[in-house]
Amino acid sequence: MPKIDSHFPRNVCDTADLPAGFIDFLRPLHEEFTPKQTALTAHRRCILEWSAKGIHPDHLESFAPTIVQRNDWQITVPDWCKDQRNQMTGPADDAELCVKMLNSGAPGVMLDLEDSMADTWPHTKLGVANAVAALHGKLTYFDKKKGRAVGINQSTTVVFTRVRGLHMQQHGVFNEPCAASVFDAALLVYQLDVAKLKHPICLYIPKSESLYEAVWWSTFLKVLAIEKGLGCDAIKCMALVEAHPLAYEMEEFLHHLRHHILGLNLGRWDYMASLGHFMLHDSTWVLPDRNTIPHDVPFFQNLRTLMVELCHKRGALAIGGMTALFPSRSDAALNTRALAVLEQDKKNEAALGMDGAWTGHPDQNAIAVAQFPAPNQLSVRHPQSPQYPDLRPELSGVGKITLEGTRAAVRTVIRYRHGVLSGKGASLLDGYMEDLATDRIYRVMLAQRIKHAVEVDDGSGVRVKHTEEFVAKLFQEELSKIRDRLIVEGDTTEFSVYEQAAASSLLMIVNGEFDPT
């Protein structure tokens, strides 16, 4: 494989593409909030470094008298958002998918500027433009079969926009980087005509890691709304629990965002990657093959139960995670299996009291919605469950660790990264929708196996250890299979991109680069 730096080109904005007056609107927001974002990301690194030394995140019992045990605050979910039994999500730069999601009948739709999009300026620019058009009800795509443009139907669907998280930066606007969260939210809000919106502006907050970040977001949303000429609490939000430290601070997070937040969502694939990252140095906590992990695995089930209790105690919605296996209109067997897995997964979430699910395909909507009582389950509580449950239960007996699982991980990260290099933030691979979150899981999983020299059967009864050399050999073997397939298909022009993808992914694994970028 060719030598390559694992870091990809920065997202550099072309200021000529920005609306007139926007930089003046953005500048004071950048000057106030980007330095604070920098401090928060430094705090994240400290927490991770402590975990590597055995000081893991834990429940904030010492904070209980000031926040957790107080009963003088509550979150009120407005009528227009009470039914979120399914929130469908997809990349905002894909106008056709956005329109189809908005016409699917899903109670909520999240237009994504983050994980499912490539982090390049053309995609960010297009994604924001599509989100603005969608919120104004004007987004269309040309349907070749129908021979005409298709637009958005009238509906009560709540439309959210997921901006990039605090871990990301936007370059090219000022002499120094701007927090991508600030840039995305400001660019969206600046262009919106509030009079054309059917509900208040709603953002989705990703990748948060602490209650301090809730303080940042609360202040930022207030200032952004005021700069737009709106009331200070006019912008609403949902927030993803995707990082292990935040699992211990959910109630505090809700408290600091109580004037804006509607609920929390368990972004479980990113959460699994984060949990694996924080437990990287623990030889007793090595992730099994991803697709052998049951939907009701204790480290998820304990967190789901806690999320439902804390959210409903405070009046906020609790939304479940994405089911990665996707339906197929061309493969009947896969389609049947995918929808059965979806139904089982969502029944489990509903049984725990969650108010809705996440999906990514219009064909999933009806089944997902049907599993949850209408309009929500805000009355469901778990008062008898542990106040401070074990969120890092032992992995013994969960799933399997196999050579084929390692190969599948290698195969997936190569093909996923090939998609990224080709401008795709998410790719449908072997029936699974793989995005940055699942790519992170596989990279963390491979790093754990290397670090702890995990042994597996090579298929002939011989035990082999995961080493850097062994995993590198698997990368080469999977690359060879890809090359052979391309030769059979008569097109090898993409092979150099696959080589670059493999080299970059392997380098990230060896270098320990598992942050969500």
Protein backbone atom coordinates (compact mmCIF):
# COMPACT_ATOMS: atom_id res chain seq x y z
CA MET A 1 0.00 0.00 0.00
CA PRO A 2 1.24 3.54 -0.66
CA LYS A 3 2.54 5.69 2.17
CA ILE A 4 -0.04 8.25 3.17
CA ASP A 5 -0.81 10.74 5.91
CA SER A 6 -3.97 9.63 7.70
CA HIS A 7 -5.30 13.19 7.85
CA PHE A 8 -7.60 14.22 5.04
CA PRO A 9 -7.80 17.70 3.48
CA ARG A 10 -9.50 20.33 5.61
CA ASN A 11 -12.93 21.64 4.78
CA VAL A 12 -11.97 25.04 3.36
CA CYS A 13 -14.77 27.46 2.59
CA ASP A 14 -14.84 29.58 -0.55
CA THR A 15 -16.10 32.89 0.81
CA ALA A 16 -17.42 33.79 -2.65
CA ASP A 17 -20.12 31.15 -2.04
CA LEU A 18 -21.39 32.81 1.15
CA PRO A 19 -24.51 35.01 1.21
CA ALA A 20 -24.01 38.75 1.26
CA GLY A 21 -23.62 40.02 4.80
CA PHE A 22 -23.13 36.58 6.32
CA ILE A 23 -19.50 37.05 7.40
CA ASP A 24 -20.50 40.14 9.41
CA PHE A 25 -23.29 38.07 11.02
CA LEU A 26 -20.88 35.22 11.77
CA ARG A 27 -17.89 37.20 13.05
CA PRO A 28 -19.15 38.10 16.57
CA LEU A 29 -20.47 34.55 17.04
CA HIS A 30 -17.10 33.14 16.00
CA GLU A 31 -15.17 35.51 18.25
CA GLU A 32 -17.27 34.65 21.29
CA PHE A 33 -17.82 30.92 20.85
CA THR A 34 -14.86 29.42 18.94
CA PRO A 35 -12.35 30.05 21.78
CA LYS A 36 -14.73 28.34 24.20
CA GLN A 37 -15.12 25.44 21.77
CA THR A 38 -11.34 25.07 21.72
CA ALA A 39 -11.26 24.89 25.53
CA LEU A 40 -14.03 22.27 25.57
CA THR A 41 -12.21 20.02 23.11
CA ALA A 42 -9.08 20.28 25.28
CA HIS A 43 -11.20 19.15 28.24
CA ARG A 44 -12.34 16.14 26.19
CA ARG A 45 -8.73 15.11 25.62
CA CYS A 46 -8.05 15.27 29.36
CA ILE A 47 -11.00 13.00 30.16
CA LEU A 48 -9.80 10.48 27.58
CA GLU A 49 -6.23 10.59 28.91
CA TRP A 50 -7.49 9.96 32.46
CA SER A 51 -9.48 6.98 31.21
CA ALA A 52 -6.33 5.52 29.64
CA LYS A 53 -4.83 5.63 33.15
CA GLY A 54 -7.81 3.79 34.64
CA ILE A 55 -9.78 6.83 35.85
CA HIS A 56 -12.96 6.25 33.87
CA PRO A 57 -16.03 8.51 33.56
CA ASP A 58 -18.52 8.00 36.37
CA HIS A 59 -21.85 9.25 37.68
CA LEU A 60 -21.84 12.75 39.17
CA GLU A 61 -23.13 11.80 42.59
CA SER A 62 -21.50 14.83 44.20
CA PHE A 63 -23.63 17.11 41.98
CA ALA A 64 -26.89 15.52 43.10
CA PRO A 65 -27.92 18.10 45.71
CA THR A 66 -27.64 20.99 43.24
CA ILE A 67 -29.24 19.52 40.13
CA VAL A 68 -30.29 15.88 40.15
CA GLN A 69 -32.36 16.03 43.35
CA ARG A 70 -33.93 19.39 42.61
CA ASN A 71 -37.49 19.26 41.36
CA ASP A 72 -37.99 22.89 40.41
CA TRP A 73 -37.30 22.51 36.68
CA GLN A 74 -39.11 20.71 33.90
CA ILE A 75 -39.00 20.49 30.11
CA THR A 76 -42.20 20.93 28.14
CA VAL A 77 -42.44 19.28 24.73
CA PRO A 78 -44.72 21.45 22.53
CA ASP A 79 -47.72 19.93 20.74
CA TRP A 80 -46.10 20.18 17.30
CA CYS A 81 -43.31 17.84 18.45
CA LYS A 82 -45.05 15.42 20.80
CA ASP A 83 -45.15 12.62 18.22
CA GLN A 84 -41.63 11.59 17.24
CA ARG A 85 -42.20 7.85 16.94
CA ASN A 86 -39.76 7.79 14.05
CA GLN A 87 -37.11 10.28 13.09
CA MET A 88 -35.73 9.52 9.64
CA THR A 89 -32.24 10.75 8.85
CA GLY A 90 -30.04 11.10 5.79
CA PRO A 91 -27.40 13.33 4.19
CA ALA A 92 -28.57 16.86 3.50
CA ASP A 93 -26.55 17.05 0.28
CA ASP A 94 -28.80 14.42 -1.36
CA ALA A 95 -31.90 16.36 -2.47
CA GLU A 96 -33.72 13.27 -3.75
CA LEU A 97 -33.33 11.41 -0.47
CA CYS A 98 -34.29 14.51 1.53
CA VAL A 99 -37.53 14.91 -0.43
CA LYS A 100 -38.35 11.20 -0.13
CA MET A 101 -37.74 11.28 3.63
CA LEU A 102 -39.92 14.36 4.02
CA ASN A 103 -42.67 12.66 2.00
CA SER A 104 -42.35 9.33 3.83
CA GLY A 105 -44.86 10.14 6.57
CA ALA A 106 -42.18 10.03 9.27
CA PRO A 107 -43.11 12.23 12.24
CA GLY A 108 -39.59 13.67 12.23
CA VAL A 109 -36.82 14.06 9.67
CA MET A 110 -33.22 15.00 10.38
CA LEU A 111 -31.26 16.55 7.52
CA ASP A 112 -27.65 15.69 8.28
CA LEU A 113 -24.65 17.97 7.72
CA GLU A 114 -22.36 15.69 9.75
CA ASP A 115 -21.62 11.94 9.77
CA SER A 116 -23.44 10.90 6.62
CA MET A 117 -21.85 13.66 4.48
CA ALA A 118 -18.27 14.02 3.31
CA ASP A 119 -16.63 16.89 5.18
CA THR A 120 -15.72 19.02 2.17
CA TRP A 121 -16.87 22.50 1.26
CA PRO A 122 -18.92 21.55 -1.83
CA HIS A 123 -20.92 19.05 0.24
CA THR A 124 -21.35 21.41 3.20
CA LYS A 125 -22.47 24.22 0.88
CA LEU A 126 -24.97 21.98 -0.91
CA GLY A 127 -26.20 20.43 2.34
CA VAL A 128 -26.99 23.79 3.93
CA ALA A 129 -28.65 25.03 0.73
CA ASN A 130 -30.85 21.92 0.62
CA ALA A 131 -31.76 22.28 4.30
CA VAL A 132 -32.80 25.91 3.79
CA ALA A 133 -34.88 24.98 0.74
CA ALA A 134 -36.48 22.06 2.60
CA LEU A 135 -37.42 24.20 5.59
CA HIS A 136 -38.96 26.74 3.22
CA GLY A 137 -40.88 23.89 1.53
CA LYS A 138 -39.14 24.52 -1.81
CA LEU A 139 -36.72 21.59 -2.17
CA THR A 140 -37.20 19.47 -5.30
CA TYR A 141 -35.41 16.79 -7.30
CA PHE A 142 -35.89 15.62 -10.88
CA ASP A 143 -37.49 12.19 -11.09
CA LYS A 144 -36.23 10.54 -14.30
CA LYS A 145 -38.94 7.88 -14.27
CA LYS A 146 -41.73 10.43 -13.92
CA GLY A 147 -39.97 12.96 -16.14
CA ARG A 148 -40.71 15.84 -13.81
CA ALA A 149 -39.59 17.64 -10.68
CA VAL A 150 -40.88 16.26 -7.38
CA GLY A 151 -41.30 18.51 -4.37
CA ILE A 152 -42.25 18.28 -0.72
CA ASN A 153 -45.82 17.41 0.24
CA GLN A 154 -47.67 19.28 2.95
CA SER A 155 -47.28 17.46 6.26
CA THR A 156 -46.78 17.90 10.00
CA THR A 157 -43.30 16.35 9.86
CA VAL A 158 -40.87 18.12 12.19
CA VAL A 159 -37.65 18.95 10.33
CA PHE A 160 -34.35 19.04 12.21
CA THR A 161 -30.91 19.95 10.87
CA ARG A 162 -27.89 18.23 12.38
CA VAL A 163 -24.93 20.58 12.37
CA ARG A 164 -21.34 19.42 12.73
CA GLY A 165 -20.16 18.85 16.29
CA LEU A 166 -17.76 20.72 18.54
CA HIS A 167 -14.90 18.45 17.48
CA MET A 168 -14.91 19.89 13.93
CA GLN A 169 -13.71 23.12 12.38
CA GLN A 170 -14.49 25.20 9.31
CA HIS A 171 -11.52 26.74 7.54
CA GLY A 172 -11.22 29.58 5.07
CA VAL A 173 -13.64 32.13 6.50
CA PHE A 174 -11.29 33.90 8.91
CA ASN A 175 -7.56 33.83 9.50
CA GLU A 176 -8.10 31.15 12.13
CA PRO A 177 -10.47 28.13 12.08
CA CYS A 178 -14.10 28.65 13.05
CA ALA A 179 -16.02 26.12 15.13
CA ALA A 180 -17.99 24.10 12.57
CA SER A 181 -21.00 24.05 14.91
CA VAL A 182 -21.03 27.86 14.93
CA PHE A 183 -20.55 28.09 11.18
CA ASP A 184 -23.24 25.55 10.22
CA ALA A 185 -25.89 26.83 12.60
CA ALA A 186 -25.21 30.46 11.71
CA LEU A 187 -25.23 29.81 7.94
CA LEU A 188 -28.53 27.95 8.22
CA VAL A 189 -30.29 30.42 10.51
CA TYR A 190 -29.01 33.47 8.62
CA GLN A 191 -30.71 32.29 5.42
CA LEU A 192 -34.02 31.18 6.95
CA ASP A 193 -37.17 33.23 6.54
CA VAL A 194 -38.87 32.39 9.83
CA ALA A 195 -42.25 33.44 8.45
CA LYS A 196 -42.07 30.52 5.99
CA LEU A 197 -41.41 27.89 8.65
CA LYS A 198 -44.16 25.60 9.93
CA HIS A 199 -42.47 25.23 13.32
CA PRO A 200 -39.56 26.84 15.24
CA ILE A 201 -36.01 26.30 14.02
CA CYS A 202 -34.85 22.88 15.25
CA LEU A 203 -31.23 21.72 15.38
CA TYR A 204 -29.77 18.33 16.21
CA ILE A 205 -26.68 18.53 18.43
CA PRO A 206 -24.13 15.73 17.89
CA LYS A 207 -21.08 14.33 19.68
CA SER A 208 -21.46 16.17 23.01
CA GLU A 209 -19.32 14.86 25.87
CA SER A 210 -20.14 16.87 29.01
CA LEU A 211 -22.58 19.11 30.83
CA TYR A 212 -20.18 22.00 30.16
CA GLU A 213 -20.91 21.63 26.48
CA ALA A 214 -24.63 21.98 27.24
CA VAL A 215 -23.81 25.35 28.81
CA TRP A 216 -21.96 26.31 25.60
CA TRP A 217 -24.85 25.24 23.40
CA SER A 218 -27.47 26.95 25.55
CA THR A 219 -25.63 30.26 25.45
CA PHE A 220 -24.87 29.93 21.74
CA LEU A 221 -28.49 29.18 20.81
CA LYS A 222 -29.68 32.19 22.80
CA VAL A 223 -27.17 34.56 21.20
CA LEU A 224 -27.80 33.13 17.71
CA ALA A 225 -31.55 33.63 18.11
CA ILE A 226 -31.10 37.19 19.33
CA GLU A 227 -28.76 37.99 16.41
CA LYS A 228 -31.51 36.71 14.09
CA GLY A 229 -34.04 38.97 15.79
CA LEU A 230 -35.86 36.17 17.58
CA GLY A 231 -36.68 35.50 21.21
CA CYS A 232 -33.77 34.11 23.19
CA ASP A 233 -35.37 30.65 23.54
CA ALA A 234 -36.76 30.50 19.99
CA ILE A 235 -34.34 27.85 18.65
CA LYS A 236 -35.12 24.30 19.78
CA CYS A 237 -32.95 21.21 19.67
CA MET A 238 -32.54 17.49 20.16
CA ALA A 239 -29.21 16.13 21.36
CA LEU A 240 -27.45 12.85 20.70
CA VAL A 241 -25.85 10.80 23.44
CA GLU A 242 -22.97 9.44 21.38
CA ALA A 243 -20.02 9.75 23.76
CA HIS A 244 -19.40 7.59 26.83
CA PRO A 245 -18.75 10.46 29.29
CA LEU A 246 -22.09 12.12 28.48
CA ALA A 247 -23.96 8.97 29.54
CA TYR A 248 -23.10 9.90 33.13
CA GLU A 249 -24.24 13.53 32.78
CA MET A 250 -27.53 13.29 30.88
CA GLU A 251 -29.71 14.92 33.52
CA GLU A 252 -27.24 17.76 34.02
CA PHE A 253 -27.05 18.17 30.24
CA LEU A 254 -30.85 18.43 30.03
CA HIS A 255 -30.85 20.93 32.88
CA HIS A 256 -28.49 23.37 31.19
CA LEU A 257 -30.38 23.15 27.88
CA ARG A 258 -33.86 23.03 29.43
CA HIS A 259 -35.12 26.15 27.62
CA HIS A 260 -34.24 24.69 24.22
CA ILE A 261 -34.09 20.91 24.33
CA LEU A 262 -36.91 18.56 23.32
CA GLY A 263 -35.21 15.26 24.04
CA LEU A 264 -32.19 12.98 23.87
CA ASN A 265 -31.33 10.36 21.26
CA LEU A 266 -29.10 7.34 21.86
CA GLY A 267 -26.72 7.46 18.87
CA ARG A 268 -25.70 3.94 19.61
CA TRP A 269 -23.12 3.22 16.92
CA ASP A 270 -21.08 6.30 17.80
CA TYR A 271 -21.66 5.48 21.46
CA MET A 272 -20.28 1.96 20.95
CA ALA A 273 -17.21 3.41 19.22
CA SER A 274 -16.72 5.93 22.03
CA LEU A 275 -17.12 3.26 24.71
CA GLY A 276 -14.56 1.09 22.95
CA HIS A 277 -12.21 4.07 22.68
CA PHE A 278 -12.45 4.82 26.40
CA MET A 279 -11.89 1.13 27.21
CA LEU A 280 -9.10 0.65 24.68
CA HIS A 281 -6.50 -0.12 27.36
CA ASP A 282 -8.63 -2.70 29.21
CA SER A 283 -7.90 -6.24 28.01
CA THR A 284 -11.18 -7.48 29.54
CA TRP A 285 -13.26 -5.11 27.42
CA VAL A 286 -12.54 -6.06 23.80
CA LEU A 287 -15.48 -5.61 21.42
CA PRO A 288 -16.73 -8.79 19.72
CA ASP A 289 -17.60 -8.89 16.02
CA ARG A 290 -20.06 -6.05 15.61
CA ASN A 291 -22.84 -8.02 13.98
CA THR A 292 -22.80 -10.65 16.75
CA ILE A 293 -23.65 -8.08 19.42
CA PRO A 294 -27.35 -8.50 20.36
CA HIS A 295 -29.70 -5.52 20.26
CA ASP A 296 -30.34 -5.89 24.00
CA VAL A 297 -26.69 -6.10 25.07
CA PRO A 298 -26.39 -4.88 28.70
CA PHE A 299 -24.20 -1.84 28.01
CA PHE A 300 -26.94 -0.50 25.72
CA GLN A 301 -29.91 -1.79 27.71
CA ASN A 302 -28.71 -0.19 30.96
CA LEU A 303 -28.18 3.11 29.16
CA ARG A 304 -31.56 2.97 27.43
CA THR A 305 -33.32 2.40 30.75
CA LEU A 306 -31.43 5.25 32.39
CA MET A 307 -32.13 7.59 29.47
CA VAL A 308 -35.87 6.87 29.58
CA GLU A 309 -36.02 7.47 33.33
CA LEU A 310 -34.07 10.74 33.26
CA CYS A 311 -35.76 12.14 30.15
CA HIS A 312 -39.29 11.29 31.28
CA LYS A 313 -38.62 12.47 34.81
CA ARG A 314 -37.90 15.89 33.30
CA GLY A 315 -40.54 15.78 30.52
CA ALA A 316 -38.19 15.24 27.55
CA LEU A 317 -38.44 12.70 24.76
CA ALA A 318 -36.13 9.64 24.64
CA ILE A 319 -35.36 8.43 21.12
CA GLY A 320 -33.71 5.13 20.21
CA GLY A 321 -30.87 4.48 17.80
CA MET A 322 -30.44 3.49 14.19
CA THR A 323 -30.89 -0.05 12.90
CA ALA A 324 -27.97 -0.47 10.50
CA LEU A 325 -29.35 -3.37 8.40
CA PHE A 326 -31.22 -1.72 5.51
CA PRO A 327 -34.17 -2.99 3.47
CA SER A 328 -33.64 -3.80 -0.21
CA ARG A 329 -36.11 -3.48 -3.06
CA SER A 330 -33.99 -5.80 -5.24
CA ASP A 331 -33.23 -8.60 -2.75
CA ALA A 332 -36.41 -10.07 -1.27
CA ALA A 333 -34.63 -12.25 1.30
CA LEU A 334 -32.50 -9.37 2.56
CA ASN A 335 -35.55 -7.12 2.66
CA THR A 336 -37.53 -9.60 4.77
CA ARG A 337 -34.60 -10.07 7.16
CA ALA A 338 -33.92 -6.34 7.45
CA LEU A 339 -37.53 -5.46 8.29
CA ALA A 340 -37.76 -8.32 10.81
CA VAL A 341 -34.60 -7.09 12.54
CA LEU A 342 -36.01 -3.57 12.52
CA GLU A 343 -39.28 -4.68 14.12
CA GLN A 344 -37.50 -6.66 16.85
CA ASP A 345 -35.10 -3.80 17.57
CA LYS A 346 -37.82 -1.17 17.84
CA LYS A 347 -40.07 -3.41 19.93
CA ASN A 348 -37.22 -3.68 22.41
CA GLU A 349 -36.82 0.11 22.55
CA ALA A 350 -40.57 0.64 22.91
CA ALA A 351 -40.77 -1.95 25.70
CA LEU A 352 -38.20 0.07 27.63
CA GLY A 353 -40.36 3.17 27.31
CA MET A 354 -38.64 5.02 24.51
CA ASP A 355 -40.74 7.46 22.54
CA GLY A 356 -39.46 6.74 19.05
CA ALA A 357 -36.70 5.46 16.82
CA TRP A 358 -34.20 6.51 14.23
CA THR A 359 -34.29 5.10 10.69
CA GLY A 360 -32.62 5.95 7.41
CA HIS A 361 -34.86 4.46 4.70
CA PRO A 362 -38.47 5.40 3.80
CA ASP A 363 -39.46 1.71 3.74
CA GLN A 364 -38.62 1.48 7.45
CA ASN A 365 -41.02 4.18 8.58
CA ALA A 366 -44.30 2.28 8.88
CA ILE A 367 -42.80 -0.60 10.88
CA ALA A 368 -40.84 1.73 13.16
CA VAL A 369 -43.86 3.95 13.91
CA ALA A 370 -46.08 0.93 14.58
CA GLN A 371 -43.91 -0.27 17.47
CA PHE A 372 -44.41 2.86 19.61
CA PRO A 373 -47.64 4.03 21.29
CA ALA A 374 -48.92 7.36 20.00
CA PRO A 375 -47.98 10.08 20.51
CA ASN A 376 -45.23 9.16 23.00
CA GLN A 377 -44.49 7.32 26.26
CA LEU A 378 -43.60 10.29 28.45
CA SER A 379 -45.59 8.74 31.30
CA VAL A 380 -43.34 5.65 31.39
CA ARG A 381 -40.80 5.74 34.21
CA HIS A 382 -38.27 3.36 35.76
CA PRO A 383 -38.19 4.63 39.35
CA GLN A 384 -37.12 1.22 40.70
CA SER A 385 -34.11 0.95 38.39
CA PRO A 386 -30.67 1.83 39.81
CA GLN A 387 -30.06 5.56 40.07
CA TYR A 388 -26.45 4.94 39.10
CA PRO A 389 -26.44 1.82 36.87
CA ASP A 390 -23.35 0.06 35.58
CA LEU A 391 -22.71 1.52 32.12
CA ARG A 392 -19.58 -0.56 31.57
CA PRO A 393 -20.81 -4.10 32.36
CA GLU A 394 -18.51 -7.01 31.55
CA LEU A 395 -18.43 -8.20 27.95
CA SER A 396 -17.88 -11.87 28.81
CA GLY A 397 -20.37 -14.02 26.94
CA VAL A 398 -21.40 -11.25 24.55
CA GLY A 399 -21.00 -12.02 20.85
CA LYS A 400 -18.01 -13.72 19.21
CA ILE A 401 -14.48 -12.73 18.27
CA THR A 402 -13.55 -14.43 15.00
CA LEU A 403 -11.10 -14.10 12.16
CA GLU A 404 -13.99 -13.57 9.77
CA GLY A 405 -15.19 -10.73 12.01
CA THR A 406 -11.76 -9.13 11.73
CA ARG A 407 -11.77 -9.58 7.96
CA ALA A 408 -15.25 -8.05 7.75
CA ALA A 409 -14.02 -5.04 9.72
CA VAL A 410 -11.00 -4.61 7.43
CA ARG A 411 -13.17 -4.99 4.34
CA THR A 412 -15.69 -2.46 5.61
CA VAL A 413 -13.23 0.27 6.61
CA ILE A 414 -11.51 0.04 3.20
CA ARG A 415 -14.77 0.36 1.29
CA TYR A 416 -16.20 3.01 3.63
CA ARG A 417 -13.07 5.17 3.32
CA HIS A 418 -13.14 4.69 -0.45
CA GLY A 419 -16.63 6.18 -0.33
CA VAL A 420 -15.39 9.14 1.69
CA LEU A 421 -12.58 9.78 -0.78
CA SER A 422 -15.22 9.65 -3.52
CA GLY A 423 -17.42 12.21 -1.76
CA LYS A 424 -19.83 9.88 0.09
CA GLY A 425 -20.26 10.16 3.85
CA ALA A 426 -22.32 6.97 4.07
CA SER A 427 -22.30 3.79 1.98
CA LEU A 428 -24.60 0.78 1.81
CA LEU A 429 -22.25 -2.21 2.21
CA ASP A 430 -23.38 -5.83 2.46
CA GLY A 431 -26.87 -4.67 3.41
CA TYR A 432 -25.67 -2.38 6.20
CA MET A 433 -25.63 1.40 6.07
CA GLU A 434 -22.08 2.24 7.09
CA ASP A 435 -21.17 5.78 8.08
CA LEU A 436 -18.47 7.41 10.17
CA ALA A 437 -19.90 5.90 13.36
CA THR A 438 -19.68 2.30 12.18
CA ASP A 439 -16.29 2.97 10.60
CA ARG A 440 -15.09 4.13 14.02
CA ILE A 441 -16.44 0.97 15.65
CA TYR A 442 -14.45 -1.22 13.26
CA ARG A 443 -11.26 0.81 13.67
CA VAL A 444 -11.54 0.72 17.47
CA MET A 445 -12.33 -2.99 17.36
CA LEU A 446 -9.25 -3.72 15.25
CA ALA A 447 -7.05 -1.57 17.50
CA GLN A 448 -8.28 -3.41 20.61
CA ARG A 449 -7.48 -6.78 19.06
CA ILE A 450 -3.99 -5.62 18.11
CA LYS A 451 -3.26 -3.96 21.44
CA HIS A 452 -4.23 -7.02 23.44
CA ALA A 453 -2.90 -9.57 20.93
CA VAL A 454 -6.28 -11.29 20.80
CA GLU A 455 -6.09 -14.85 19.48
CA VAL A 456 -8.54 -16.38 17.02
CA ASP A 457 -8.86 -19.66 15.17
CA ASP A 458 -7.60 -19.35 11.59
CA GLY A 459 -10.16 -21.88 10.40
CA SER A 460 -7.89 -24.90 10.56
CA GLY A 461 -7.63 -25.15 14.34
CA VAL A 462 -4.49 -23.03 14.54
CA ARG A 463 -4.59 -20.05 16.91
CA VAL A 464 -3.23 -16.80 15.47
CA LYS A 465 -2.60 -13.51 17.26
CA HIS A 466 -3.72 -10.10 16.10
CA THR A 467 -0.57 -8.06 15.55
CA GLU A 468 0.04 -4.97 13.41
CA GLU A 469 1.71 -7.21 10.84
CA PHE A 470 -1.14 -9.72 10.83
CA VAL A 471 -3.82 -7.03 10.41
CA ALA A 472 -1.73 -5.30 7.71
CA LYS A 473 -1.61 -8.66 5.90
CA LEU A 474 -5.41 -8.87 6.06
CA PHE A 475 -5.62 -5.37 4.57
CA GLN A 476 -3.45 -6.54 1.67
CA GLU A 477 -5.53 -9.68 1.17
CA GLU A 478 -8.81 -7.74 1.14
CA LEU A 479 -7.28 -5.22 -1.28
CA SER A 480 -6.32 -8.09 -3.57
CA LYS A 481 -9.91 -9.33 -3.56
CA ILE A 482 -11.13 -5.85 -4.47
CA ARG A 483 -8.58 -5.65 -7.31
CA ASP A 484 -9.66 -9.06 -8.62
CA ARG A 485 -13.29 -7.98 -8.58
CA LEU A 486 -12.48 -4.77 -10.44
CA ILE A 487 -10.55 -6.75 -13.07
CA VAL A 488 -13.54 -9.06 -13.60
CA GLU A 489 -15.79 -6.00 -13.90
CA GLY A 490 -13.38 -4.52 -16.43
CA ASP A 491 -12.67 -1.30 -14.56
CA THR A 492 -9.55 -0.90 -12.42
CA THR A 493 -9.49 2.90 -12.47
CA GLU A 494 -10.73 3.05 -8.87
CA PHE A 495 -8.11 0.71 -7.44
CA SER A 496 -5.67 3.49 -6.53
CA VAL A 497 -8.44 5.12 -4.47
CA TYR A 498 -9.02 1.81 -2.66
CA GLU A 499 -5.27 1.61 -1.97
CA GLN A 500 -5.33 5.10 -0.52
CA ALA A 501 -8.39 4.23 1.57
CA ALA A 502 -6.73 1.11 2.96
CA ALA A 503 -3.46 2.84 3.75
CA SER A 504 -5.21 5.70 5.50
CA SER A 505 -7.48 3.43 7.55
CA LEU A 506 -4.61 1.21 8.66
CA LEU A 507 -2.55 4.25 9.65
CA MET A 508 -5.42 5.62 11.73
CA ILE A 509 -5.71 2.28 13.53
CA VAL A 510 -1.97 2.03 14.20
CA ASN A 511 -1.73 5.70 15.27
CA GLY A 512 -4.72 5.40 17.62
CA GLU A 513 -6.85 7.97 15.79
CA PHE A 514 -10.41 7.22 16.86
CA ASP A 515 -11.95 10.65 17.33
CA PRO A 516 -15.13 11.08 15.24
CA THR A 517 -13.48 12.61 12.15
